[in-house]
Protein backbone atom coordinates (compact mmCIF):
# COMPACT_ATOMS: atom_id res chain seq x y z
CA MET A 1 0.00 0.00 0.00
CA SER A 2 2.89 2.34 0.73
CA ALA A 3 4.34 1.71 -2.73
CA LEU A 4 0.95 2.46 -4.28
CA LEU A 5 0.72 5.70 -2.31
CA ASP A 6 4.14 6.58 -3.73
CA GLY A 7 2.86 5.86 -7.24
CA ASP A 8 5.23 2.89 -7.61
CA LEU A 9 2.97 0.47 -9.45
CA SER A 10 5.78 -1.85 -10.56
CA GLY A 11 7.20 -2.04 -7.02
CA ALA A 12 3.78 -2.70 -5.55
CA SER A 13 3.18 -5.38 -8.19
CA ARG A 14 6.48 -7.06 -7.32
CA MET A 15 5.61 -7.06 -3.61
CA ALA A 16 2.09 -8.36 -4.28
CA GLY A 17 3.29 -11.05 -6.67
CA VAL A 18 0.75 -10.04 -9.32
CA SER A 19 0.54 -7.31 -11.95
CA LEU A 20 -1.51 -4.50 -10.48
CA THR A 21 -3.25 -2.06 -12.79
CA GLU A 22 -3.60 1.70 -12.84
CA TYR A 23 -6.90 1.18 -11.01
CA PHE A 24 -4.82 0.78 -7.85
CA LEU A 25 -3.45 4.32 -8.32
CA THR A 26 -6.74 6.20 -8.64
CA ASP A 27 -7.49 8.93 -6.12
CA ARG A 28 -10.19 6.74 -4.57
CA ALA A 29 -7.80 3.79 -4.24
CA ARG A 30 -5.05 5.98 -2.76
CA TRP A 31 -7.49 7.28 -0.18
CA LEU A 32 -8.25 3.66 0.77
CA TRP A 33 -4.57 2.66 1.00
CA GLN A 34 -3.81 5.59 3.31
CA PHE A 35 -6.87 4.89 5.45
CA ARG A 36 -5.98 1.20 5.83
CA LEU A 37 -2.31 1.94 6.56
CA ASP A 38 -3.39 4.33 9.31
CA GLN A 39 -5.64 1.62 10.75
CA MET A 40 -2.82 -0.92 10.73
CA ALA A 41 -0.39 1.55 12.28
CA ALA A 42 -2.81 1.93 15.18
CA ASP A 43 -3.28 -1.86 15.52
CA ARG A 44 -1.01 -4.30 13.64
CA GLY A 45 -3.49 -7.12 14.32
CA ARG A 46 -5.87 -5.55 11.80
CA ALA A 47 -3.58 -6.35 8.87
CA ARG A 48 -4.97 -9.82 8.16
CA TRP A 49 -8.46 -8.34 7.82
CA MET A 50 -7.55 -5.62 5.36
CA VAL A 51 -8.03 -5.27 1.64
CA ARG A 52 -6.46 -7.69 -0.83
CA GLN A 53 -6.26 -7.92 -4.58
CA ALA A 54 -9.09 -9.71 -6.37
CA VAL A 55 -7.22 -12.13 -8.64
CA VAL A 56 -8.77 -14.54 -11.13
CA GLY A 57 -7.52 -17.30 -13.37
CA GLU A 58 -4.24 -19.11 -13.68
CA ASP A 59 -2.61 -16.02 -15.18
CA GLY A 60 -3.37 -14.03 -12.01
CA LEU A 61 -5.49 -11.33 -13.65
CA VAL A 62 -6.14 -8.60 -11.07
CA VAL A 63 -9.70 -7.31 -11.49
CA GLY A 64 -10.04 -5.20 -8.35
CA HIS A 65 -9.77 -5.45 -4.58
CA ALA A 66 -11.84 -6.75 -1.69
CA GLY A 67 -11.60 -7.19 2.04
CA PHE A 68 -12.92 -6.31 5.43
CA HIS A 69 -12.96 -2.90 7.07
CA GLY A 70 -11.28 -4.47 10.09
CA PRO A 71 -11.50 -7.38 12.51
CA PRO A 72 -14.81 -8.34 14.11
CA ASP A 73 -16.14 -5.85 16.64
CA ASP A 74 -17.23 -6.83 20.15
CA ALA A 75 -20.56 -8.10 18.79
CA GLY A 76 -18.82 -10.24 16.12
CA MET A 77 -19.68 -8.00 13.18
CA VAL A 78 -17.35 -7.45 10.21
CA GLU A 79 -17.98 -5.05 7.36
CA ILE A 80 -17.02 -6.00 3.83
CA GLY A 81 -15.91 -3.90 0.91
CA TYR A 82 -15.15 -4.75 -2.71
CA SER A 83 -14.37 -2.81 -5.86
CA VAL A 84 -13.96 -4.02 -9.42
CA ALA A 85 -12.01 -2.05 -12.02
CA PRO A 86 -14.25 -0.56 -14.73
CA ASP A 87 -12.87 -2.81 -17.50
CA PHE A 88 -13.95 -5.91 -15.55
CA ARG A 89 -17.39 -4.90 -14.31
CA ARG A 90 -20.57 -6.80 -15.20
CA GLN A 91 -18.64 -10.06 -15.55
CA GLY A 92 -19.44 -11.62 -12.14
CA TYR A 93 -16.20 -10.64 -10.40
CA ALA A 94 -17.89 -8.62 -7.65
CA ARG A 95 -20.18 -11.57 -6.93
CA SER A 96 -17.15 -13.89 -6.76
CA ALA A 97 -15.37 -11.51 -4.39
CA LEU A 98 -18.48 -11.34 -2.22
CA ILE A 99 -18.69 -15.14 -2.06
CA GLU A 100 -15.06 -15.37 -0.95
CA LEU A 101 -15.55 -12.68 1.70
CA LEU A 102 -18.62 -14.48 3.06
CA ARG A 103 -16.76 -17.80 3.12
CA ARG A 104 -13.85 -16.26 4.98
CA ALA A 105 -16.18 -14.62 7.50
CA ALA A 106 -18.02 -17.92 8.05
CA ALA A 107 -14.70 -19.67 8.75
CA GLU A 108 -13.86 -17.25 11.58
CA ILE A 109 -15.42 -18.32 14.86
CA ALA A 110 -15.42 -14.74 16.20
CA VAL A 111 -17.56 -13.49 13.29
CA THR A 112 -21.33 -13.68 13.75
CA THR A 113 -22.57 -11.01 11.33
CA VAL A 114 -21.41 -9.63 7.98
CA ARG A 115 -22.32 -6.05 7.09
CA ALA A 116 -22.34 -4.30 3.73
CA THR A 117 -22.96 -0.57 3.38
CA ILE A 118 -23.98 0.61 -0.08
CA SER A 119 -25.01 3.93 -1.59
CA PRO A 120 -28.68 3.85 -2.60
CA ASP A 121 -27.51 4.97 -6.07
CA ASN A 122 -25.11 2.02 -6.50
CA VAL A 123 -27.51 -0.22 -8.39
CA ALA A 124 -24.77 -2.69 -9.37
CA SER A 125 -23.63 -3.30 -5.79
CA LEU A 126 -27.21 -3.56 -4.55
CA ALA A 127 -27.81 -6.20 -7.24
CA THR A 128 -24.60 -8.00 -6.24
CA ILE A 129 -25.74 -8.64 -2.66
CA TRP A 130 -29.23 -9.69 -3.75
CA GLY A 131 -29.76 -13.40 -3.17
CA PHE A 132 -27.18 -13.69 -0.40
CA GLY A 133 -29.64 -13.19 2.45
CA PHE A 134 -28.64 -9.62 3.31
CA VAL A 135 -31.36 -7.69 5.10
CA GLU A 136 -31.51 -3.90 5.18
CA VAL A 137 -31.16 -2.85 8.83
CA GLY A 138 -30.86 0.92 8.50
CA GLU A 139 -28.87 3.72 6.94
CA GLN A 140 -25.90 5.84 7.88
CA TRP A 141 -24.01 8.90 6.75
CA ASP A 142 -20.41 8.22 5.72
CA GLU A 143 -18.03 11.19 5.56
CA GLU A 144 -16.37 9.79 2.45
CA ASP A 145 -19.32 8.19 0.63
CA GLY A 146 -22.40 10.09 1.84
CA LEU A 147 -25.69 8.26 2.49
CA GLU A 148 -25.35 4.49 2.72
CA LEU A 149 -27.90 1.74 3.23
CA VAL A 150 -26.80 -0.81 5.85
CA PHE A 151 -27.31 -4.51 5.15
CA GLU A 152 -26.45 -7.50 7.35
CA VAL A 153 -26.46 -11.27 7.06
CA PRO A 154 -25.57 -13.99 9.60
CA ALA A 155 -21.98 -15.10 9.04
CA ARG A 156 -22.79 -18.82 9.06
CA ARG A 157 -25.33 -18.59 6.25
CA MET A 158 -23.65 -20.35 3.36
CA PRO A 159 -23.42 -18.25 0.21
CA PRO A 160 -24.80 -19.64 -3.03
CA ALA A 161 -22.29 -21.42 -5.25
């Protein structure tokens, strides 16, 4: 993440072991890298819960990134986040990332609930969570993203294949 913040895409790709794309250098992505680095600086134990590359196929094609906003809170809730690069959208990659995040959450004994927060205008992301058992439980105002709808699902509910 530090290399990406420095604009060193080739160095970041070497460290990640996959070829990252310019999508990882957008202003939005850089904001995320800085935010996550600050979180990890405050608590190194958060690192294993943070964002990772979304890689598909034997060639290791990087289509975006996905992860958790942090470890489970005291109630066992984790919040997920995923983003697919524009060239790879509408091909099922967000759904695949969501399935993997739900599987990982279900494998963690401390996780009881998975949360997704989505802008009411983000039709694609709202469609992505449809069918996974998420229930709208409220809304919130996010300083970075504005109004978000809050959805939750029990962590042990198995995602569809």
